[in-house]
């Protein structure tokens, strides 16, 4: 019997593991993929918007060569924190369901069943892309993740979306001599795009270096073209690759299989203590931590504020574990 099982080995999951260990709780962290699996899918040499001190966990300094850390530096930092703390981490072992109840959960993974008194879900949202739901979306030329621009040089690339990820991908592909067309369902570039990127993309569109179809949506994808509904009617454009930068959402099927209720609000927020005192869900003893707390509102929680969930969650869990030990005695 473990005191705590943590599902998700990203920064917030690691922070929960550190807090549990410092309270002498026996904890194990599970992840279906690699350590900080979401970062593996980030673009190569991606620069974080946050400065390093805002990404620190466990009180360990995060030193970087530049003002803001890059993806590779973050991967190294969190690995070093995990090994320094000697956290018990089971990677490439996905969790399928959580049975039982507070004080006696059974966590079922791909490999075995484990018992724990408390469970923390820190799975983020990056694994499930928002689909276009159009014919041809499952073609090999379509991806919802952008790693680097080199494969797209000298090709016709469509970027779907107009937020930060889409803008970064469009600029990078353009600067590696791809023929870039942005498909944007709104009338302009998203206002949330970072201040140093927005004028760059708008100037490239204005000068004609990057084509942009505003108030437009993809209606179908073929092996050689893209069908787009525009204010001027349906257009077919030549296309080799589609980068659908349409955002991501939590794995709702997994959350519901864990017995976590979902609110009927615009963000489809998983039910939990939203006042931030305990982050306990509708299932006693089962908690949410980090970005997954925001549901589809993926801009509500980041590493820099979600990492603080760990201390509050483990404080609450530890207090209840101590109470149950006292009652048993």
C-alpha atoms as a PDB file:
ATOM      1  CA  UNK A   1       0.000   0.000   0.000  1.00  0.00           C
ATOM      2  CA  UNK A   2       1.425   3.340  -1.129  1.00  0.00           C
ATOM      3  CA  UNK A   3       0.475   6.570   0.578  1.00  0.00           C
ATOM      4  CA  UNK A   4       0.172   8.441  -2.730  1.00  0.00           C
ATOM      5  CA  UNK A   5       0.087   7.579  -6.417  1.00  0.00           C
ATOM      6  CA  UNK A   6       0.714  10.472  -8.812  1.00  0.00           C
ATOM      7  CA  UNK A   7      -0.424  10.145 -12.425  1.00  0.00           C
ATOM      8  CA  UNK A   8       1.763  12.293 -14.686  1.00  0.00           C
ATOM      9  CA  UNK A   9       5.536  12.824 -14.547  1.00  0.00           C
ATOM     10  CA  UNK A  10       5.635  16.409 -15.756  1.00  0.00           C
ATOM     11  CA  UNK A  11       6.870  19.345 -13.666  1.00  0.00           C
ATOM     12  CA  UNK A  12       3.722  19.486 -11.504  1.00  0.00           C
ATOM     13  CA  UNK A  13       3.661  15.722 -10.980  1.00  0.00           C
ATOM     14  CA  UNK A  14       7.332  15.827  -9.965  1.00  0.00           C
ATOM     15  CA  UNK A  15       6.579  18.729  -7.594  1.00  0.00           C
ATOM     16  CA  UNK A  16       3.854  16.598  -5.974  1.00  0.00           C
ATOM     17  CA  UNK A  17       6.310  13.729  -5.593  1.00  0.00           C
ATOM     18  CA  UNK A  18       8.858  16.021  -3.926  1.00  0.00           C
ATOM     19  CA  UNK A  19       6.277  17.410  -1.499  1.00  0.00           C
ATOM     20  CA  UNK A  20       5.098  13.893  -0.621  1.00  0.00           C
ATOM     21  CA  UNK A  21       8.644  12.699   0.020  1.00  0.00           C
ATOM     22  CA  UNK A  22       9.395  15.682   2.255  1.00  0.00           C
ATOM     23  CA  UNK A  23       6.413  14.689   4.401  1.00  0.00           C
ATOM     24  CA  UNK A  24       7.697  11.121   4.618  1.00  0.00           C
ATOM     25  CA  UNK A  25       4.903   9.789   2.435  1.00  0.00           C
ATOM     26  CA  UNK A  26       5.536   6.754   0.261  1.00  0.00           C
ATOM     27  CA  UNK A  27       4.741   7.961  -3.283  1.00  0.00           C
ATOM     28  CA  UNK A  28       5.108   6.608  -6.800  1.00  0.00           C
ATOM     29  CA  UNK A  29       4.725   8.578 -10.044  1.00  0.00           C
ATOM     30  CA  UNK A  30       3.359   6.958 -13.200  1.00  0.00           C
ATOM     31  CA  UNK A  31       3.476   8.249 -16.776  1.00  0.00           C
ATOM     32  CA  UNK A  32       2.379   6.650 -20.022  1.00  0.00           C
ATOM     33  CA  UNK A  33       5.406   8.166 -21.766  1.00  0.00           C
ATOM     34  CA  UNK A  34       8.762   9.767 -21.048  1.00  0.00           C
ATOM     35  CA  UNK A  35       9.754  12.011 -18.176  1.00  0.00           C
ATOM     36  CA  UNK A  36       8.140  15.399 -18.909  1.00  0.00           C
ATOM     37  CA  UNK A  37       6.478  13.725 -21.867  1.00  0.00           C
ATOM     38  CA  UNK A  38       4.766  16.901 -23.113  1.00  0.00           C
ATOM     39  CA  UNK A  39       8.145  18.599 -23.545  1.00  0.00           C
ATOM     40  CA  UNK A  40       9.203  15.810 -25.898  1.00  0.00           C
ATOM     41  CA  UNK A  41       6.548  17.046 -28.306  1.00  0.00           C
ATOM     42  CA  UNK A  42       7.531  20.720 -28.051  1.00  0.00           C
ATOM     43  CA  UNK A  43       9.430  22.316 -30.947  1.00  0.00           C
ATOM     44  CA  UNK A  44      13.197  21.825 -30.947  1.00  0.00           C
ATOM     45  CA  UNK A  45      14.957  24.674 -29.114  1.00  0.00           C
ATOM     46  CA  UNK A  46      11.590  26.180 -28.139  1.00  0.00           C
ATOM     47  CA  UNK A  47      11.985  29.140 -25.810  1.00  0.00           C
ATOM     48  CA  UNK A  48       9.663  29.229 -22.803  1.00  0.00           C
ATOM     49  CA  UNK A  49       7.666  32.395 -22.171  1.00  0.00           C
ATOM     50  CA  UNK A  50       8.520  32.167 -18.444  1.00  0.00           C
ATOM     51  CA  UNK A  51      11.839  33.049 -16.883  1.00  0.00           C
ATOM     52  CA  UNK A  52      13.681  30.150 -15.193  1.00  0.00           C
ATOM     53  CA  UNK A  53      12.856  31.015 -11.579  1.00  0.00           C
ATOM     54  CA  UNK A  54       9.148  30.652 -12.417  1.00  0.00           C
ATOM     55  CA  UNK A  55       9.713  27.076 -13.578  1.00  0.00           C
ATOM     56  CA  UNK A  56      11.664  25.900 -10.528  1.00  0.00           C
ATOM     57  CA  UNK A  57      10.368  23.088  -8.325  1.00  0.00           C
ATOM     58  CA  UNK A  58      11.568  21.741  -5.003  1.00  0.00           C
ATOM     59  CA  UNK A  59      13.674  24.817  -4.330  1.00  0.00           C
ATOM     60  CA  UNK A  60      16.281  23.794  -6.903  1.00  0.00           C
ATOM     61  CA  UNK A  61      17.762  26.719  -8.876  1.00  0.00           C
ATOM     62  CA  UNK A  62      17.204  26.589 -12.630  1.00  0.00           C
ATOM     63  CA  UNK A  63      20.211  28.219 -14.298  1.00  0.00           C
ATOM     64  CA  UNK A  64      20.127  28.994 -18.017  1.00  0.00           C
ATOM     65  CA  UNK A  65      22.508  30.505 -20.551  1.00  0.00           C
ATOM     66  CA  UNK A  66      19.968  33.051 -21.740  1.00  0.00           C
ATOM     67  CA  UNK A  67      17.216  35.123 -20.155  1.00  0.00           C
ATOM     68  CA  UNK A  68      14.571  32.472 -20.831  1.00  0.00           C
ATOM     69  CA  UNK A  69      15.120  28.714 -20.844  1.00  0.00           C
ATOM     70  CA  UNK A  70      14.768  26.474 -23.853  1.00  0.00           C
ATOM     71  CA  UNK A  71      13.077  23.101 -24.139  1.00  0.00           C
ATOM     72  CA  UNK A  72      16.315  21.115 -23.869  1.00  0.00           C
ATOM     73  CA  UNK A  73      17.435  23.004 -20.749  1.00  0.00           C
ATOM     74  CA  UNK A  74      14.059  22.341 -19.094  1.00  0.00           C
ATOM     75  CA  UNK A  75      14.253  18.618 -19.888  1.00  0.00           C
ATOM     76  CA  UNK A  76      17.720  18.466 -18.323  1.00  0.00           C
ATOM     77  CA  UNK A  77      16.635  20.490 -15.287  1.00  0.00           C
ATOM     78  CA  UNK A  78      13.600  18.364 -14.399  1.00  0.00           C
ATOM     79  CA  UNK A  79      15.551  15.130 -14.953  1.00  0.00           C
ATOM     80  CA  UNK A  80      18.265  16.323 -12.585  1.00  0.00           C
ATOM     81  CA  UNK A  81      15.684  17.312  -9.965  1.00  0.00           C
ATOM     82  CA  UNK A  82      13.985  13.904 -10.227  1.00  0.00           C
ATOM     83  CA  UNK A  83      17.253  11.993  -9.853  1.00  0.00           C
ATOM     84  CA  UNK A  84      18.545  14.230  -7.057  1.00  0.00           C
ATOM     85  CA  UNK A  85      15.333  13.616  -5.107  1.00  0.00           C
ATOM     86  CA  UNK A  86      15.489   9.905  -6.025  1.00  0.00           C
ATOM     87  CA  UNK A  87      11.787   9.955  -6.857  1.00  0.00           C
ATOM     88  CA  UNK A  88      10.048   6.626  -7.493  1.00  0.00           C
ATOM     89  CA  UNK A  89       8.950   7.009 -11.130  1.00  0.00           C
ATOM     90  CA  UNK A  90       7.431   4.364 -13.429  1.00  0.00           C
ATOM     91  CA  UNK A  91       7.694   5.601 -17.024  1.00  0.00           C
ATOM     92  CA  UNK A  92       5.962   4.119 -20.082  1.00  0.00           C
ATOM     93  CA  UNK A  93       3.321   2.625 -17.793  1.00  0.00           C
ATOM     94  CA  UNK A  94      -0.007   4.261 -18.513  1.00  0.00           C
ATOM     95  CA  UNK A  95      -2.870   4.227 -16.016  1.00  0.00           C
ATOM     96  CA  UNK A  96      -6.163   2.842 -17.339  1.00  0.00           C
ATOM     97  CA  UNK A  97      -8.486   3.327 -14.370  1.00  0.00           C
ATOM     98  CA  UNK A  98      -8.735   4.128 -10.667  1.00  0.00           C
ATOM     99  CA  UNK A  99     -10.996   1.893  -8.577  1.00  0.00           C
ATOM    100  CA  UNK A 100     -11.869   1.843  -4.898  1.00  0.00           C
ATOM    101  CA  UNK A 101     -12.128   4.873  -2.682  1.00  0.00           C
ATOM    102  CA  UNK A 102     -10.387   7.227  -0.285  1.00  0.00           C
ATOM    103  CA  UNK A 103      -7.865   5.341   1.814  1.00  0.00           C
ATOM    104  CA  UNK A 104      -7.927   2.267  -0.401  1.00  0.00           C
ATOM    105  CA  UNK A 105      -7.646   3.072  -4.117  1.00  0.00           C
ATOM    106  CA  UNK A 106      -6.609   0.501  -6.706  1.00  0.00           C
ATOM    107  CA  UNK A 107      -4.769   2.079  -9.623  1.00  0.00           C
ATOM    108  CA  UNK A 108      -4.763  -0.165 -12.686  1.00  0.00           C
ATOM    109  CA  UNK A 109      -1.918   0.335 -15.172  1.00  0.00           C
ATOM    110  CA  UNK A 110      -0.888  -1.384 -18.386  1.00  0.00           C
ATOM    111  CA  UNK A 111       1.385  -3.658 -16.359  1.00  0.00           C
ATOM    112  CA  UNK A 112      -0.103  -4.222 -12.888  1.00  0.00           C
ATOM    113  CA  UNK A 113      -2.493  -3.104 -10.145  1.00  0.00           C
ATOM    114  CA  UNK A 114      -1.302  -0.876  -7.297  1.00  0.00           C
ATOM    115  CA  UNK A 115      -2.954   0.186  -4.049  1.00  0.00           C
ATOM    116  CA  UNK A 116      -2.736   3.693  -2.612  1.00  0.00           C
ATOM    117  CA  UNK A 117      -4.462   5.771   0.033  1.00  0.00           C
ATOM    118  CA  UNK A 118      -4.495   8.951  -2.086  1.00  0.00           C
ATOM    119  CA  UNK A 119      -4.275   9.646  -5.831  1.00  0.00           C
ATOM    120  CA  UNK A 120      -3.160  12.844  -7.606  1.00  0.00           C
ATOM    121  CA  UNK A 121      -3.878  13.394 -11.323  1.00  0.00           C
ATOM    122  CA  UNK A 122      -1.347  15.756 -12.949  1.00  0.00           C
ATOM    123  CA  UNK A 123      -1.728  14.794 -16.591  1.00  0.00           C
ATOM    124  CA  UNK A 124      -1.854  18.217 -18.274  1.00  0.00           C
ATOM    125  CA  UNK A 125      -3.616  18.667 -21.615  1.00  0.00           C
ATOM    126  CA  UNK A 126      -1.005  18.372 -24.387  1.00  0.00           C
ATOM    127  CA  UNK A 127      -1.757  14.773 -25.399  1.00  0.00           C
ATOM    128  CA  UNK A 128      -5.151  15.349 -27.042  1.00  0.00           C
ATOM    129  CA  UNK A 129      -5.271  17.833 -29.953  1.00  0.00           C
ATOM    130  CA  UNK A 130      -8.443  19.676 -30.920  1.00  0.00           C
ATOM    131  CA  UNK A 131      -9.348  18.014 -34.202  1.00  0.00           C
ATOM    132  CA  UNK A 132     -10.541  19.740 -37.345  1.00  0.00           C
ATOM    133  CA  UNK A 133     -13.072  16.932 -37.912  1.00  0.00           C
ATOM    134  CA  UNK A 134     -12.853  17.144 -41.697  1.00  0.00           C
ATOM    135  CA  UNK A 135     -12.317  14.478 -44.376  1.00  0.00           C
ATOM    136  CA  UNK A 136      -8.620  13.746 -44.873  1.00  0.00           C
ATOM    137  CA  UNK A 137      -7.482  14.784 -41.394  1.00  0.00           C
ATOM    138  CA  UNK A 138      -5.961  11.344 -40.829  1.00  0.00           C
ATOM    139  CA  UNK A 139      -3.663  11.580 -43.866  1.00  0.00           C
ATOM    140  CA  UNK A 140       0.043  11.249 -43.069  1.00  0.00           C
ATOM    141  CA  UNK A 141       0.685  14.801 -44.228  1.00  0.00           C
ATOM    142  CA  UNK A 142      -1.411  16.227 -41.362  1.00  0.00           C
ATOM    143  CA  UNK A 143       0.055  16.813 -37.902  1.00  0.00           C
ATOM    144  CA  UNK A 144      -1.092  18.626 -34.764  1.00  0.00           C
ATOM    145  CA  UNK A 145       2.466  19.042 -33.490  1.00  0.00           C
ATOM    146  CA  UNK A 146       5.303  21.159 -34.852  1.00  0.00           C
ATOM    147  CA  UNK A 147       8.869  20.112 -34.058  1.00  0.00           C
ATOM    148  CA  UNK A 148      11.089  21.984 -36.512  1.00  0.00           C
ATOM    149  CA  UNK A 149      10.831  23.641 -39.935  1.00  0.00           C
ATOM    150  CA  UNK A 150      13.442  21.645 -41.863  1.00  0.00           C
ATOM    151  CA  UNK A 151      11.097  18.945 -43.290  1.00  0.00           C
ATOM    152  CA  UNK A 152       8.901  21.641 -44.826  1.00  0.00           C
ATOM    153  CA  UNK A 153      11.538  23.553 -46.808  1.00  0.00           C
ATOM    154  CA  UNK A 154      10.547  24.164 -50.457  1.00  0.00           C
ATOM    155  CA  UNK A 155       7.033  22.725 -49.954  1.00  0.00           C
ATOM    156  CA  UNK A 156       3.479  24.090 -49.755  1.00  0.00           C
ATOM    157  CA  UNK A 157       2.553  24.228 -46.073  1.00  0.00           C
ATOM    158  CA  UNK A 158      -0.793  25.195 -44.560  1.00  0.00           C
ATOM    159  CA  UNK A 159      -0.858  26.408 -40.954  1.00  0.00           C
ATOM    160  CA  UNK A 160      -4.311  26.162 -39.355  1.00  0.00           C
ATOM    161  CA  UNK A 161      -4.750  28.575 -36.447  1.00  0.00           C
ATOM    162  CA  UNK A 162      -3.535  32.018 -35.403  1.00  0.00           C
ATOM    163  CA  UNK A 163      -2.347  31.716 -31.792  1.00  0.00           C
ATOM    164  CA  UNK A 164       1.257  31.488 -30.568  1.00  0.00           C
ATOM    165  CA  UNK A 165       1.999  27.952 -31.799  1.00  0.00           C
ATOM    166  CA  UNK A 166       0.576  28.654 -35.256  1.00  0.00           C
ATOM    167  CA  UNK A 167       2.443  31.955 -35.590  1.00  0.00           C
ATOM    168  CA  UNK A 168       5.750  30.410 -34.510  1.00  0.00           C
ATOM    169  CA  UNK A 169       5.324  27.534 -36.978  1.00  0.00           C
ATOM    170  CA  UNK A 170       4.397  29.894 -39.825  1.00  0.00           C
ATOM    171  CA  UNK A 171       7.385  32.177 -39.267  1.00  0.00           C
ATOM    172  CA  UNK A 172       9.824  29.286 -38.886  1.00  0.00           C
ATOM    173  CA  UNK A 173       8.604  27.537 -42.047  1.00  0.00           C
ATOM    174  CA  UNK A 174       8.653  30.796 -44.021  1.00  0.00           C
ATOM    175  CA  UNK A 175      12.249  31.454 -42.965  1.00  0.00           C
ATOM    176  CA  UNK A 176      13.178  27.983 -44.190  1.00  0.00           C
ATOM    177  CA  UNK A 177      11.735  28.750 -47.633  1.00  0.00           C
ATOM    178  CA  UNK A 178       8.402  26.987 -47.384  1.00  0.00           C
ATOM    179  CA  UNK A 179       5.414  28.431 -49.220  1.00  0.00           C
ATOM    180  CA  UNK A 180       3.193  29.178 -46.208  1.00  0.00           C
ATOM    181  CA  UNK A 181      -0.559  29.754 -46.131  1.00  0.00           C
ATOM    182  CA  UNK A 182      -2.333  30.420 -42.841  1.00  0.00           C
ATOM    183  CA  UNK A 183      -5.983  29.367 -42.475  1.00  0.00           C
ATOM    184  CA  UNK A 184      -7.620  31.465 -39.750  1.00  0.00           C
ATOM    185  CA  UNK A 185     -11.264  31.198 -38.732  1.00  0.00           C
ATOM    186  CA  UNK A 186     -11.218  34.667 -37.125  1.00  0.00           C
ATOM    187  CA  UNK A 187     -10.696  38.036 -38.787  1.00  0.00           C
ATOM    188  CA  UNK A 188      -7.091  38.481 -37.671  1.00  0.00           C
ATOM    189  CA  UNK A 189      -4.125  37.127 -35.715  1.00  0.00           C
ATOM    190  CA  UNK A 190      -5.028  36.229 -32.126  1.00  0.00           C
ATOM    191  CA  UNK A 191      -4.602  39.111 -29.655  1.00  0.00           C
ATOM    192  CA  UNK A 192      -2.881  36.736 -27.201  1.00  0.00           C
ATOM    193  CA  UNK A 193       0.107  36.247 -29.514  1.00  0.00           C
ATOM    194  CA  UNK A 194       3.302  37.420 -27.807  1.00  0.00           C
ATOM    195  CA  UNK A 195       4.209  41.044 -28.424  1.00  0.00           C
ATOM    196  CA  UNK A 196       7.465  40.230 -30.250  1.00  0.00           C
ATOM    197  CA  UNK A 197       5.747  37.761 -32.609  1.00  0.00           C
ATOM    198  CA  UNK A 198       2.551  39.605 -33.536  1.00  0.00           C
ATOM    199  CA  UNK A 199       4.095  42.466 -35.552  1.00  0.00           C
ATOM    200  CA  UNK A 200       6.461  40.024 -37.259  1.00  0.00           C
ATOM    201  CA  UNK A 201       3.669  37.780 -38.577  1.00  0.00           C
ATOM    202  CA  UNK A 202       1.416  40.723 -39.474  1.00  0.00           C
ATOM    203  CA  UNK A 203       4.206  42.359 -41.457  1.00  0.00           C
ATOM    204  CA  UNK A 204       4.963  39.122 -43.315  1.00  0.00           C
ATOM    205  CA  UNK A 205       1.286  38.793 -44.228  1.00  0.00           C
ATOM    206  CA  UNK A 206       1.046  42.457 -45.241  1.00  0.00           C
ATOM    207  CA  UNK A 207       4.035  42.224 -47.556  1.00  0.00           C
ATOM    208  CA  UNK A 208       2.746  38.983 -49.100  1.00  0.00           C
ATOM    209  CA  UNK A 209       5.567  36.732 -47.873  1.00  0.00           C
ATOM    210  CA  UNK A 210       2.994  34.611 -46.028  1.00  0.00           C
ATOM    211  CA  UNK A 211      -0.510  34.135 -47.428  1.00  0.00           C
ATOM    212  CA  UNK A 212      -3.413  34.298 -44.972  1.00  0.00           C
ATOM    213  CA  UNK A 213      -7.065  33.368 -45.446  1.00  0.00           C
ATOM    214  CA  UNK A 214      -9.069  35.013 -42.652  1.00  0.00           C
ATOM    215  CA  UNK A 215     -12.658  34.199 -41.651  1.00  0.00           C
ATOM    216  CA  UNK A 216     -11.959  30.854 -43.293  1.00  0.00           C
ATOM    217  CA  UNK A 217     -12.092  27.169 -42.339  1.00  0.00           C
ATOM    218  CA  UNK A 218     -10.718  23.954 -43.789  1.00  0.00           C
ATOM    219  CA  UNK A 219     -13.541  21.771 -45.121  1.00  0.00           C
ATOM    220  CA  UNK A 220     -11.490  18.888 -46.563  1.00  0.00           C
ATOM    221  CA  UNK A 221      -7.914  17.703 -47.047  1.00  0.00           C
ATOM    222  CA  UNK A 222      -6.751  15.716 -50.077  1.00  0.00           C
ATOM    223  CA  UNK A 223      -3.334  14.188 -50.763  1.00  0.00           C
ATOM    224  CA  UNK A 224      -2.367  17.165 -52.960  1.00  0.00           C
ATOM    225  CA  UNK A 225      -4.602  20.047 -51.914  1.00  0.00           C
ATOM    226  CA  UNK A 226      -6.659  21.768 -49.238  1.00  0.00           C
ATOM    227  CA  UNK A 227     -10.328  22.745 -49.586  1.00  0.00           C
ATOM    228  CA  UNK A 228     -11.060  25.977 -47.704  1.00  0.00           C
ATOM    229  CA  UNK A 229     -14.354  27.792 -47.161  1.00  0.00           C
ATOM    230  CA  UNK A 230     -13.642  31.534 -47.384  1.00  0.00           C
ATOM    231  CA  UNK A 231     -15.801  34.697 -47.476  1.00  0.00           C
ATOM    232  CA  UNK A 232     -15.217  34.675 -51.260  1.00  0.00           C
ATOM    233  CA  UNK A 233     -16.390  31.099 -51.651  1.00  0.00           C
ATOM    234  CA  UNK A 234     -14.708  27.687 -51.596  1.00  0.00           C
ATOM    235  CA  UNK A 235     -11.066  27.609 -52.653  1.00  0.00           C
ATOM    236  CA  UNK A 236      -8.733  24.723 -53.431  1.00  0.00           C
ATOM    237  CA  UNK A 237      -5.061  25.404 -52.782  1.00  0.00           C
ATOM    238  CA  UNK A 238      -2.008  23.289 -53.526  1.00  0.00           C
ATOM    239  CA  UNK A 239      -0.736  21.606 -50.401  1.00  0.00           C
ATOM    240  CA  UNK A 240       1.975  19.184 -49.290  1.00  0.00           C
ATOM    241  CA  UNK A 241       1.635  19.438 -45.496  1.00  0.00           C
ATOM    242  CA  UNK A 242      -0.953  20.638 -42.968  1.00  0.00           C
ATOM    243  CA  UNK A 243       0.115  21.827 -39.511  1.00  0.00           C
ATOM    244  CA  UNK A 244      -3.108  21.997 -37.504  1.00  0.00           C
ATOM    245  CA  UNK A 245      -2.125  24.249 -34.620  1.00  0.00           C
ATOM    246  CA  UNK A 246      -5.626  24.185 -33.159  1.00  0.00           C
ATOM    247  CA  UNK A 247      -4.812  23.706 -29.486  1.00  0.00           C
ATOM    248  CA  UNK A 248      -5.187  20.795 -27.099  1.00  0.00           C
ATOM    249  CA  UNK A 249      -7.504  19.546 -24.371  1.00  0.00           C
ATOM    250  CA  UNK A 250      -7.368  17.212 -21.370  1.00  0.00           C
ATOM    251  CA  UNK A 251      -8.037  13.521 -21.819  1.00  0.00           C
ATOM    252  CA  UNK A 252     -11.680  13.666 -20.760  1.00  0.00           C
ATOM    253  CA  UNK A 253     -12.288   9.981 -21.424  1.00  0.00           C
ATOM    254  CA  UNK A 254      -9.544   9.134 -18.940  1.00  0.00           C
ATOM    255  CA  UNK A 255     -10.794  11.627 -16.327  1.00  0.00           C
ATOM    256  CA  UNK A 256     -14.323  10.263 -16.579  1.00  0.00           C
ATOM    257  CA  UNK A 257     -13.025   6.685 -16.296  1.00  0.00           C
ATOM    258  CA  UNK A 258     -11.440   7.792 -13.025  1.00  0.00           C
ATOM    259  CA  UNK A 259     -14.881   8.919 -11.816  1.00  0.00           C
ATOM    260  CA  UNK A 260     -14.114  12.643 -12.048  1.00  0.00           C
ATOM    261  CA  UNK A 261     -17.213  14.656 -12.970  1.00  0.00           C
ATOM    262  CA  UNK A 262     -17.025  17.343 -15.674  1.00  0.00           C
ATOM    263  CA  UNK A 263     -18.815  20.668 -15.248  1.00  0.00           C
ATOM    264  CA  UNK A 264     -21.280  21.788 -17.905  1.00  0.00           C
ATOM    265  CA  UNK A 265     -19.463  25.056 -18.549  1.00  0.00           C
ATOM    266  CA  UNK A 266     -17.691  26.467 -21.575  1.00  0.00           C
ATOM    267  CA  UNK A 267     -14.295  25.171 -20.413  1.00  0.00           C
ATOM    268  CA  UNK A 268     -15.637  21.718 -19.478  1.00  0.00           C
ATOM    269  CA  UNK A 269     -13.840  22.081 -16.160  1.00  0.00           C
ATOM    270  CA  UNK A 270     -13.176  18.868 -14.211  1.00  0.00           C
ATOM    271  CA  UNK A 271     -14.913  19.071 -10.830  1.00  0.00           C
ATOM    272  CA  UNK A 272     -12.483  19.956  -8.047  1.00  0.00           C
ATOM    273  CA  UNK A 273     -11.994  22.494  -5.271  1.00  0.00           C
ATOM    274  CA  UNK A 274     -11.567  25.558  -7.464  1.00  0.00           C
ATOM    275  CA  UNK A 275     -10.859  27.832  -4.502  1.00  0.00           C
ATOM    276  CA  UNK A 276      -7.421  26.257  -4.481  1.00  0.00           C
ATOM    277  CA  UNK A 277      -7.392  25.074  -0.876  1.00  0.00           C
ATOM    278  CA  UNK A 278      -7.245  21.323  -1.513  1.00  0.00           C
ATOM    279  CA  UNK A 279      -7.804  20.682  -5.285  1.00  0.00           C
ATOM    280  CA  UNK A 280      -9.779  17.572  -4.261  1.00  0.00           C
ATOM    281  CA  UNK A 281     -12.232  16.273  -6.874  1.00  0.00           C
ATOM    282  CA  UNK A 282     -15.759  14.930  -6.378  1.00  0.00           C
ATOM    283  CA  UNK A 283     -14.063  11.651  -5.383  1.00  0.00           C
ATOM    284  CA  UNK A 284     -12.677  12.016  -1.872  1.00  0.00           C
ATOM    285  CA  UNK A 285      -8.943  11.386  -1.755  1.00  0.00           C
ATOM    286  CA  UNK A 286      -8.475  11.973  -5.504  1.00  0.00           C
ATOM    287  CA  UNK A 287      -6.940  15.316  -6.501  1.00  0.00           C
ATOM    288  CA  UNK A 288      -6.198  17.324  -9.646  1.00  0.00           C
ATOM    289  CA  UNK A 289      -2.956  19.275 -10.047  1.00  0.00           C
ATOM    290  CA  UNK A 290      -1.624  21.648 -12.680  1.00  0.00           C
ATOM    291  CA  UNK A 291      -3.011  22.572 -16.072  1.00  0.00           C
ATOM    292  CA  UNK A 292      -5.615  19.789 -16.139  1.00  0.00           C
ATOM    293  CA  UNK A 293      -7.570  21.796 -13.542  1.00  0.00           C
ATOM    294  CA  UNK A 294      -8.546  24.357 -16.182  1.00  0.00           C
ATOM    295  CA  UNK A 295     -10.210  21.925 -18.573  1.00  0.00           C
ATOM    296  CA  UNK A 296     -10.344  23.451 -22.060  1.00  0.00           C
ATOM    297  CA  UNK A 297      -9.278  26.805 -20.612  1.00  0.00           C
ATOM    298  CA  UNK A 298      -5.657  25.853 -21.175  1.00  0.00           C
ATOM    299  CA  UNK A 299      -4.396  29.376 -20.504  1.00  0.00           C
ATOM    300  CA  UNK A 300      -5.550  29.398 -16.874  1.00  0.00           C
ATOM    301  CA  UNK A 301      -2.793  27.263 -15.357  1.00  0.00           C
ATOM    302  CA  UNK A 302       0.869  27.000 -16.354  1.00  0.00           C
ATOM    303  CA  UNK A 303       3.928  25.463 -14.733  1.00  0.00           C
ATOM    304  CA  UNK A 304       4.661  28.782 -13.034  1.00  0.00           C
ATOM    305  CA  UNK A 305       1.385  28.815 -11.068  1.00  0.00           C
ATOM    306  CA  UNK A 306       0.385  25.137 -11.241  1.00  0.00           C
ATOM    307  CA  UNK A 307       3.539  23.997  -9.433  1.00  0.00           C
ATOM    308  CA  UNK A 308       2.151  25.526  -6.226  1.00  0.00           C
ATOM    309  CA  UNK A 309      -0.765  23.096  -6.287  1.00  0.00           C
ATOM    310  CA  UNK A 310       1.597  20.388  -5.039  1.00  0.00           C
ATOM    311  CA  UNK A 311       2.110  21.836  -1.575  1.00  0.00           C
ATOM    312  CA  UNK A 312      -1.601  22.430  -0.923  1.00  0.00           C
ATOM    313  CA  UNK A 313      -2.642  19.014  -2.194  1.00  0.00           C
ATOM    314  CA  UNK A 314      -0.028  17.105  -0.226  1.00  0.00           C
ATOM    315  CA  UNK A 315      -0.714  19.182   2.906  1.00  0.00           C
ATOM    316  CA  UNK A 316      -4.365  18.142   2.735  1.00  0.00           C
ATOM    317  CA  UNK A 317      -3.584  14.505   1.896  1.00  0.00           C
ATOM    318  CA  UNK A 318      -0.951  14.209   4.635  1.00  0.00           C
ATOM    319  CA  UNK A 319      -3.274  15.705   7.260  1.00  0.00           C
ATOM    320  CA  UNK A 320      -5.985  13.201   6.415  1.00  0.00           C
ATOM    321  CA  UNK A 321      -3.526  10.309   6.434  1.00  0.00           C
ATOM    322  CA  UNK A 322      -2.326  11.372   9.883  1.00  0.00           C
ATOM    323  CA  UNK A 323      -5.924  11.564  11.087  1.00  0.00           C
ATOM    324  CA  UNK A 324      -6.678   8.039   9.856  1.00  0.00           C
ATOM    325  CA  UNK A 325      -3.514   6.704  11.545  1.00  0.00           C
ATOM    326  CA  UNK A 326      -4.584   8.349  14.787  1.00  0.00           C
ATOM    327  CA  UNK A 327      -8.082   6.825  14.537  1.00  0.00           C
ATOM    328  CA  UNK A 328      -6.644   3.379  13.789  1.00  0.00           C
ATOM    329  CA  UNK A 329      -4.349   3.690  16.829  1.00  0.00           C
END
